[in-house]
Amino acid sequence: MKVTNIKDIDKFFKVVDSCKGRVELVTSEGDRLNLKSKLSQYVSLANVFSNGDIPEIDIVAYEKEDIEKLMKFMING
């Protein structure tokens, strides 16, 4: 799923951390990085945003309830 215009990165990571299953960032090369890993969160996303927000990323969540949480975050911020 594409996630766009993330303004509150801390809140986004809290939602990711609350997910029960695996949540992955899909890089432009097609690699999948585990977003539940703090190291991956900071290393992988350091290149994605430079001004404090994330314009667009591709993420994959495997659990239905996790997808719903992420969708709710996208809608409500």
PDB file of N, CA and C in Angstrom:
ATOM      1  N   MET A   1       0.844  -1.163   0.000  1.00  0.00           N
ATOM      2  CA  MET A   1       0.000   0.000   0.000  1.00  0.00           C
ATOM      3  C   MET A   1       0.891   1.227   0.000  1.00  0.00           C
ATOM      4  N   LYS A   2       0.457   2.251  -0.677  1.00  0.00           N
ATOM      5  CA  LYS A   2       1.178   3.516  -0.667  1.00  0.00           C
ATOM      6  C   LYS A   2       0.678   4.346   0.501  1.00  0.00           C
ATOM      7  N   VAL A   3       1.620   4.879   1.255  1.00  0.00           N
ATOM      8  CA  VAL A   3       1.300   5.774   2.356  1.00  0.00           C
ATOM      9  C   VAL A   3       1.883   7.131   1.970  1.00  0.00           C
ATOM     10  N   THR A   4       1.038   8.164   2.020  1.00  0.00           N
ATOM     11  CA  THR A   4       1.477   9.475   1.558  1.00  0.00           C
ATOM     12  C   THR A   4       1.325  10.536   2.628  1.00  0.00           C
ATOM     13  N   ASN A   5       2.134  11.575   2.489  1.00  0.00           N
ATOM     14  CA  ASN A   5       2.046  12.783   3.320  1.00  0.00           C
ATOM     15  C   ASN A   5       2.039  12.506   4.812  1.00  0.00           C
ATOM     16  N   ILE A   6       3.016  11.761   5.271  1.00  0.00           N
ATOM     17  CA  ILE A   6       3.143  11.521   6.701  1.00  0.00           C
ATOM     18  C   ILE A   6       3.780  12.753   7.321  1.00  0.00           C
ATOM     19  N   LYS A   7       3.018  13.459   8.113  1.00  0.00           N
ATOM     20  CA  LYS A   7       3.509  14.677   8.763  1.00  0.00           C
ATOM     21  C   LYS A   7       4.026  14.400  10.168  1.00  0.00           C
ATOM     22  N   ASP A   8       3.395  13.475  10.863  1.00  0.00           N
ATOM     23  CA  ASP A   8       3.787  13.143  12.236  1.00  0.00           C
ATOM     24  C   ASP A   8       4.491  11.785  12.227  1.00  0.00           C
ATOM     25  N   ILE A   9       5.793  11.819  12.050  1.00  0.00           N
ATOM     26  CA  ILE A   9       6.571  10.595  11.915  1.00  0.00           C
ATOM     27  C   ILE A   9       6.550   9.782  13.203  1.00  0.00           C
ATOM     28  N   ASP A  10       6.604  10.451  14.356  1.00  0.00           N
ATOM     29  CA  ASP A  10       6.547   9.731  15.631  1.00  0.00           C
ATOM     30  C   ASP A  10       5.243   8.959  15.769  1.00  0.00           C
ATOM     31  N   LYS A  11       4.143   9.580  15.406  1.00  0.00           N
ATOM     32  CA  LYS A  11       2.839   8.909  15.481  1.00  0.00           C
ATOM     33  C   LYS A  11       2.788   7.732  14.504  1.00  0.00           C
ATOM     34  N   PHE A  12       3.356   7.917  13.307  1.00  0.00           N
ATOM     35  CA  PHE A  12       3.406   6.836  12.330  1.00  0.00           C
ATOM     36  C   PHE A  12       4.159   5.634  12.907  1.00  0.00           C
ATOM     37  N   PHE A  13       5.329   5.880  13.531  1.00  0.00           N
ATOM     38  CA  PHE A  13       6.098   4.789  14.111  1.00  0.00           C
ATOM     39  C   PHE A  13       5.357   4.144  15.277  1.00  0.00           C
ATOM     40  N   LYS A  14       4.587   4.912  16.042  1.00  0.00           N
ATOM     41  CA  LYS A  14       3.796   4.333  17.127  1.00  0.00           C
ATOM     42  C   LYS A  14       2.743   3.383  16.573  1.00  0.00           C
ATOM     43  N   VAL A  15       2.123   3.771  15.453  1.00  0.00           N
ATOM     44  CA  VAL A  15       1.147   2.890  14.813  1.00  0.00           C
ATOM     45  C   VAL A  15       1.843   1.622  14.327  1.00  0.00           C
ATOM     46  N   VAL A  16       2.990   1.767  13.667  1.00  0.00           N
ATOM     47  CA  VAL A  16       3.745   0.604  13.194  1.00  0.00           C
ATOM     48  C   VAL A  16       4.121  -0.293  14.376  1.00  0.00           C
ATOM     49  N   ASP A  17       4.618   0.297  15.456  1.00  0.00           N
ATOM     50  CA  ASP A  17       5.015  -0.481  16.627  1.00  0.00           C
ATOM     51  C   ASP A  17       3.835  -1.217  17.259  1.00  0.00           C
ATOM     52  N   SER A  18       2.636  -0.664  17.127  1.00  0.00           N
ATOM     53  CA  SER A  18       1.459  -1.304  17.716  1.00  0.00           C
ATOM     54  C   SER A  18       0.926  -2.452  16.867  1.00  0.00           C
ATOM     55  N   CYS A  19       1.418  -2.585  15.662  1.00  0.00           N
ATOM     56  CA  CYS A  19       0.961  -3.675  14.795  1.00  0.00           C
ATOM     57  C   CYS A  19       1.448  -5.014  15.335  1.00  0.00           C
ATOM     58  N   LYS A  20       0.617  -6.030  15.183  1.00  0.00           N
ATOM     59  CA  LYS A  20       0.950  -7.352  15.701  1.00  0.00           C
ATOM     60  C   LYS A  20       1.851  -8.124  14.746  1.00  0.00           C
ATOM     61  N   GLY A  21       1.654  -7.938  13.463  1.00  0.00           N
ATOM     62  CA  GLY A  21       2.431  -8.668  12.471  1.00  0.00           C
ATOM     63  C   GLY A  21       3.560  -7.832  11.900  1.00  0.00           C
ATOM     64  N   ARG A  22       4.157  -8.362  10.890  1.00  0.00           N
ATOM     65  CA  ARG A  22       5.288  -7.715  10.225  1.00  0.00           C
ATOM     66  C   ARG A  22       4.796  -6.555   9.362  1.00  0.00           C
ATOM     67  N   VAL A  23       5.521  -5.450   9.412  1.00  0.00           N
ATOM     68  CA  VAL A  23       5.250  -4.286   8.571  1.00  0.00           C
ATOM     69  C   VAL A  23       6.567  -3.948   7.886  1.00  0.00           C
ATOM     70  N   GLU A  24       6.529  -3.893   6.551  1.00  0.00           N
ATOM     71  CA  GLU A  24       7.762  -3.705   5.803  1.00  0.00           C
ATOM     72  C   GLU A  24       7.708  -2.464   4.921  1.00  0.00           C
ATOM     73  N   LEU A  25       8.855  -1.825   4.781  1.00  0.00           N
ATOM     74  CA  LEU A  25       9.047  -0.745   3.833  1.00  0.00           C
ATOM     75  C   LEU A  25       9.603  -1.371   2.568  1.00  0.00           C
ATOM     76  N   VAL A  26       8.990  -1.074   1.418  1.00  0.00           N
ATOM     77  CA  VAL A  26       9.482  -1.572   0.142  1.00  0.00           C
ATOM     78  C   VAL A  26      10.306  -0.460  -0.500  1.00  0.00           C
ATOM     79  N   THR A  27      11.598  -0.730  -0.703  1.00  0.00           N
ATOM     80  CA  THR A  27      12.480   0.273  -1.288  1.00  0.00           C
ATOM     81  C   THR A  27      12.260   0.355  -2.791  1.00  0.00           C
ATOM     82  N   SER A  28      12.831   1.376  -3.404  1.00  0.00           N
ATOM     83  CA  SER A  28      12.705   1.531  -4.857  1.00  0.00           C
ATOM     84  C   SER A  28      13.375   0.376  -5.603  1.00  0.00           C
ATOM     85  N   GLU A  29      14.316  -0.314  -4.949  1.00  0.00           N
ATOM     86  CA  GLU A  29      14.975  -1.475  -5.553  1.00  0.00           C
ATOM     87  C   GLU A  29      14.185  -2.760  -5.334  1.00  0.00           C
ATOM     88  N   GLY A  30      13.096  -2.691  -4.559  1.00  0.00           N
ATOM     89  CA  GLY A  30      12.275  -3.865  -4.294  1.00  0.00           C
ATOM     90  C   GLY A  30      12.633  -4.606  -3.022  1.00  0.00           C
ATOM     91  N   ASP A  31      13.626  -4.102  -2.288  1.00  0.00           N
ATOM     92  CA  ASP A  31      13.983  -4.724  -1.014  1.00  0.00           C
ATOM     93  C   ASP A  31      12.897  -4.424   0.012  1.00  0.00           C
ATOM     94  N   ARG A  32      12.744  -5.319   0.973  1.00  0.00           N
ATOM     95  CA  ARG A  32      11.757  -5.127   2.036  1.00  0.00           C
ATOM     96  C   ARG A  32      12.477  -5.040   3.371  1.00  0.00           C
ATOM     97  N   LEU A  33      12.254  -3.927   4.062  1.00  0.00           N
ATOM     98  CA  LEU A  33      12.900  -3.692   5.348  1.00  0.00           C
ATOM     99  C   LEU A  33      11.862  -3.706   6.453  1.00  0.00           C
ATOM    100  N   ASN A  34      12.160  -4.401   7.533  1.00  0.00           N
ATOM    101  CA  ASN A  34      11.242  -4.537   8.659  1.00  0.00           C
ATOM    102  C   ASN A  34      11.112  -3.202   9.396  1.00  0.00           C
ATOM    103  N   LEU A  35       9.950  -2.559   9.308  1.00  0.00           N
ATOM    104  CA  LEU A  35       9.739  -1.270   9.960  1.00  0.00           C
ATOM    105  C   LEU A  35       9.526  -1.385  11.458  1.00  0.00           C
ATOM    106  N   LYS A  36       9.367  -2.588  11.968  1.00  0.00           N
ATOM    107  CA  LYS A  36       9.217  -2.733  13.415  1.00  0.00           C
ATOM    108  C   LYS A  36      10.578  -2.714  14.103  1.00  0.00           C
ATOM    109  N   SER A  37      11.630  -2.801  13.338  1.00  0.00           N
ATOM    110  CA  SER A  37      12.985  -2.688  13.869  1.00  0.00           C
ATOM    111  C   SER A  37      13.335  -1.206  13.982  1.00  0.00           C
ATOM    112  N   LYS A  38      13.729  -0.775  15.165  1.00  0.00           N
ATOM    113  CA  LYS A  38      14.092   0.643  15.359  1.00  0.00           C
ATOM    114  C   LYS A  38      15.240   1.044  14.456  1.00  0.00           C
ATOM    115  N   LEU A  39      16.207   0.172  14.296  1.00  0.00           N
ATOM    116  CA  LEU A  39      17.338   0.485  13.432  1.00  0.00           C
ATOM    117  C   LEU A  39      16.865   0.685  11.993  1.00  0.00           C
ATOM    118  N   SER A  40      16.012  -0.200  11.516  1.00  0.00           N
ATOM    119  CA  SER A  40      15.487  -0.055  10.157  1.00  0.00           C
ATOM    120  C   SER A  40      14.662   1.213  10.015  1.00  0.00           C
ATOM    121  N   GLN A  41      13.897   1.563  11.055  1.00  0.00           N
ATOM    122  CA  GLN A  41      13.086   2.776  10.989  1.00  0.00           C
ATOM    123  C   GLN A  41      13.962   3.991  10.708  1.00  0.00           C
ATOM    124  N   TYR A  42      15.020   4.119  11.448  1.00  0.00           N
ATOM    125  CA  TYR A  42      15.851   5.317  11.324  1.00  0.00           C
ATOM    126  C   TYR A  42      16.775   5.273  10.115  1.00  0.00           C
ATOM    127  N   VAL A  43      17.363   4.132   9.854  1.00  0.00           N
ATOM    128  CA  VAL A  43      18.289   4.037   8.729  1.00  0.00           C
ATOM    129  C   VAL A  43      17.551   4.105   7.401  1.00  0.00           C
ATOM    130  N   SER A  44      16.483   3.333   7.249  1.00  0.00           N
ATOM    131  CA  SER A  44      15.790   3.272   5.965  1.00  0.00           C
ATOM    132  C   SER A  44      15.037   4.551   5.648  1.00  0.00           C
ATOM    133  N   LEU A  45      14.463   5.192   6.658  1.00  0.00           N
ATOM    134  CA  LEU A  45      13.680   6.389   6.397  1.00  0.00           C
ATOM    135  C   LEU A  45      14.502   7.667   6.420  1.00  0.00           C
ATOM    136  N   ALA A  46      15.734   7.603   6.861  1.00  0.00           N
ATOM    137  CA  ALA A  46      16.586   8.794   6.860  1.00  0.00           C
ATOM    138  C   ALA A  46      16.760   9.322   5.446  1.00  0.00           C
ATOM    139  N   ASN A  47      16.780   8.432   4.469  1.00  0.00           N
ATOM    140  CA  ASN A  47      16.937   8.842   3.082  1.00  0.00           C
ATOM    141  C   ASN A  47      15.619   9.267   2.442  1.00  0.00           C
ATOM    142  N   VAL A  48      14.503   8.884   3.032  1.00  0.00           N
ATOM    143  CA  VAL A  48      13.201   9.163   2.430  1.00  0.00           C
ATOM    144  C   VAL A  48      12.753  10.597   2.694  1.00  0.00           C
ATOM    145  N   PHE A  49      13.046  11.103   3.880  1.00  0.00           N
ATOM    146  CA  PHE A  49      12.586  12.456   4.195  1.00  0.00           C
ATOM    147  C   PHE A  49      13.754  13.343   4.599  1.00  0.00           C
ATOM    148  N   SER A  50      13.666  14.597   4.209  1.00  0.00           N
ATOM    149  CA  SER A  50      14.731  15.525   4.571  1.00  0.00           C
ATOM    150  C   SER A  50      14.192  16.743   5.303  1.00  0.00           C
ATOM    151  N   ASN A  51      12.893  17.010   5.191  1.00  0.00           N
ATOM    152  CA  ASN A  51      12.332  18.209   5.831  1.00  0.00           C
ATOM    153  C   ASN A  51      11.336  17.882   6.936  1.00  0.00           C
ATOM    154  N   GLY A  52      11.369  16.653   7.473  1.00  0.00           N
ATOM    155  CA  GLY A  52      10.520  16.318   8.598  1.00  0.00           C
ATOM    156  C   GLY A  52       9.223  15.630   8.245  1.00  0.00           C
ATOM    157  N   ASP A  53       8.938  15.440   6.953  1.00  0.00           N
ATOM    158  CA  ASP A  53       7.753  14.674   6.590  1.00  0.00           C
ATOM    159  C   ASP A  53       8.129  13.662   5.513  1.00  0.00           C
ATOM    160  N   ILE A  54       7.252  12.697   5.305  1.00  0.00           N
ATOM    161  CA  ILE A  54       7.487  11.650   4.314  1.00  0.00           C
ATOM    162  C   ILE A  54       6.432  11.818   3.223  1.00  0.00           C
ATOM    163  N   PRO A  55       6.843  12.187   2.011  1.00  0.00           N
ATOM    164  CA  PRO A  55       5.861  12.424   0.957  1.00  0.00           C
ATOM    165  C   PRO A  55       5.134  11.162   0.500  1.00  0.00           C
ATOM    166  N   GLU A  56       5.868  10.036   0.332  1.00  0.00           N
ATOM    167  CA  GLU A  56       5.230   8.804  -0.123  1.00  0.00           C
ATOM    168  C   GLU A  56       6.165   7.623   0.091  1.00  0.00           C
ATOM    169  N   ILE A  57       5.630   6.540   0.639  1.00  0.00           N
ATOM    170  CA  ILE A  57       6.381   5.297   0.777  1.00  0.00           C
ATOM    171  C   ILE A  57       5.448   4.136   0.473  1.00  0.00           C
ATOM    172  N   ASP A  58       6.043   3.017   0.113  1.00  0.00           N
ATOM    173  CA  ASP A  58       5.304   1.771  -0.067  1.00  0.00           C
ATOM    174  C   ASP A  58       5.559   0.898   1.142  1.00  0.00           C
ATOM    175  N   ILE A  59       4.484   0.442   1.769  1.00  0.00           N
ATOM    176  CA  ILE A  59       4.628  -0.476   2.894  1.00  0.00           C
ATOM    177  C   ILE A  59       3.740  -1.692   2.686  1.00  0.00           C
ATOM    178  N   VAL A  60       4.121  -2.778   3.321  1.00  0.00           N
ATOM    179  CA  VAL A  60       3.362  -4.023   3.269  1.00  0.00           C
ATOM    180  C   VAL A  60       3.082  -4.459   4.694  1.00  0.00           C
ATOM    181  N   ALA A  61       1.825  -4.719   4.996  1.00  0.00           N
ATOM    182  CA  ALA A  61       1.420  -5.284   6.279  1.00  0.00           C
ATOM    183  C   ALA A  61       0.686  -6.587   5.972  1.00  0.00           C
ATOM    184  N   TYR A  62       0.895  -7.581   6.806  1.00  0.00           N
ATOM    185  CA  TYR A  62       0.365  -8.910   6.521  1.00  0.00           C
ATOM    186  C   TYR A  62      -0.895  -9.264   7.302  1.00  0.00           C
ATOM    187  N   GLU A  63      -1.127  -8.583   8.404  1.00  0.00           N
ATOM    188  CA  GLU A  63      -2.303  -8.876   9.228  1.00  0.00           C
ATOM    189  C   GLU A  63      -3.420  -7.887   8.896  1.00  0.00           C
ATOM    190  N   LYS A  64      -4.641  -8.404   8.780  1.00  0.00           N
ATOM    191  CA  LYS A  64      -5.787  -7.562   8.430  1.00  0.00           C
ATOM    192  C   LYS A  64      -5.953  -6.397   9.411  1.00  0.00           C
ATOM    193  N   GLU A  65      -5.837  -6.674  10.700  1.00  0.00           N
ATOM    194  CA  GLU A  65      -6.018  -5.618  11.695  1.00  0.00           C
ATOM    195  C   GLU A  65      -4.914  -4.563  11.600  1.00  0.00           C
ATOM    196  N   ASP A  66      -3.717  -4.974  11.183  1.00  0.00           N
ATOM    197  CA  ASP A  66      -2.626  -4.018  11.010  1.00  0.00           C
ATOM    198  C   ASP A  66      -2.887  -3.110   9.807  1.00  0.00           C
ATOM    199  N   ILE A  67      -3.402  -3.696   8.746  1.00  0.00           N
ATOM    200  CA  ILE A  67      -3.755  -2.904   7.563  1.00  0.00           C
ATOM    201  C   ILE A  67      -4.813  -1.872   7.942  1.00  0.00           C
ATOM    202  N   GLU A  68      -5.795  -2.302   8.734  1.00  0.00           N
ATOM    203  CA  GLU A  68      -6.845  -1.378   9.176  1.00  0.00           C
ATOM    204  C   GLU A  68      -6.269  -0.240  10.017  1.00  0.00           C
ATOM    205  N   LYS A  69      -5.324  -0.547  10.915  1.00  0.00           N
ATOM    206  CA  LYS A  69      -4.681   0.489  11.732  1.00  0.00           C
ATOM    207  C   LYS A  69      -3.955   1.500  10.856  1.00  0.00           C
ATOM    208  N   LEU A  70      -3.218   0.995   9.887  1.00  0.00           N
ATOM    209  CA  LEU A  70      -2.459   1.876   8.999  1.00  0.00           C
ATOM    210  C   LEU A  70      -3.382   2.721   8.137  1.00  0.00           C
ATOM    211  N   MET A  71      -4.467   2.131   7.669  1.00  0.00           N
ATOM    212  CA  MET A  71      -5.455   2.889   6.879  1.00  0.00           C
ATOM    213  C   MET A  71      -6.088   3.984   7.731  1.00  0.00           C
ATOM    214  N   LYS A  72      -6.428   3.655   8.958  1.00  0.00           N
ATOM    215  CA  LYS A  72      -7.015   4.640   9.862  1.00  0.00           C
ATOM    216  C   LYS A  72      -6.047   5.793  10.099  1.00  0.00           C
ATOM    217  N   PHE A  73      -4.763   5.472  10.259  1.00  0.00           N
ATOM    218  CA  PHE A  73      -3.749   6.519  10.428  1.00  0.00           C
ATOM    219  C   PHE A  73      -3.696   7.415   9.194  1.00  0.00           C
ATOM    220  N   MET A  74      -3.752   6.804   8.013  1.00  0.00           N
ATOM    221  CA  MET A  74      -3.682   7.591   6.781  1.00  0.00           C
ATOM    222  C   MET A  74      -4.890   8.527   6.655  1.00  0.00           C
ATOM    223  N   ILE A  75      -6.046   8.047   7.067  1.00  0.00           N
ATOM    224  CA  ILE A  75      -7.275   8.851   6.945  1.00  0.00           C
ATOM    225  C   ILE A  75      -7.335   9.939   8.015  1.00  0.00           C
ATOM    226  N   ASN A  76      -7.032   9.557   9.249  1.00  0.00           N
ATOM    227  CA  ASN A  76      -7.181  10.491  10.367  1.00  0.00           C
ATOM    228  C   ASN A  76      -5.912  11.240  10.737  1.00  0.00           C
ATOM    229  N   GLY A  77      -4.781  10.724  10.287  1.00  0.00           N
ATOM    230  CA  GLY A  77      -3.497  11.372  10.613  1.00  0.00           C
ATOM    231  C   GLY A  77      -3.073  11.055  11.942  1.00  0.00           C
TER     232      GLY A  77
END
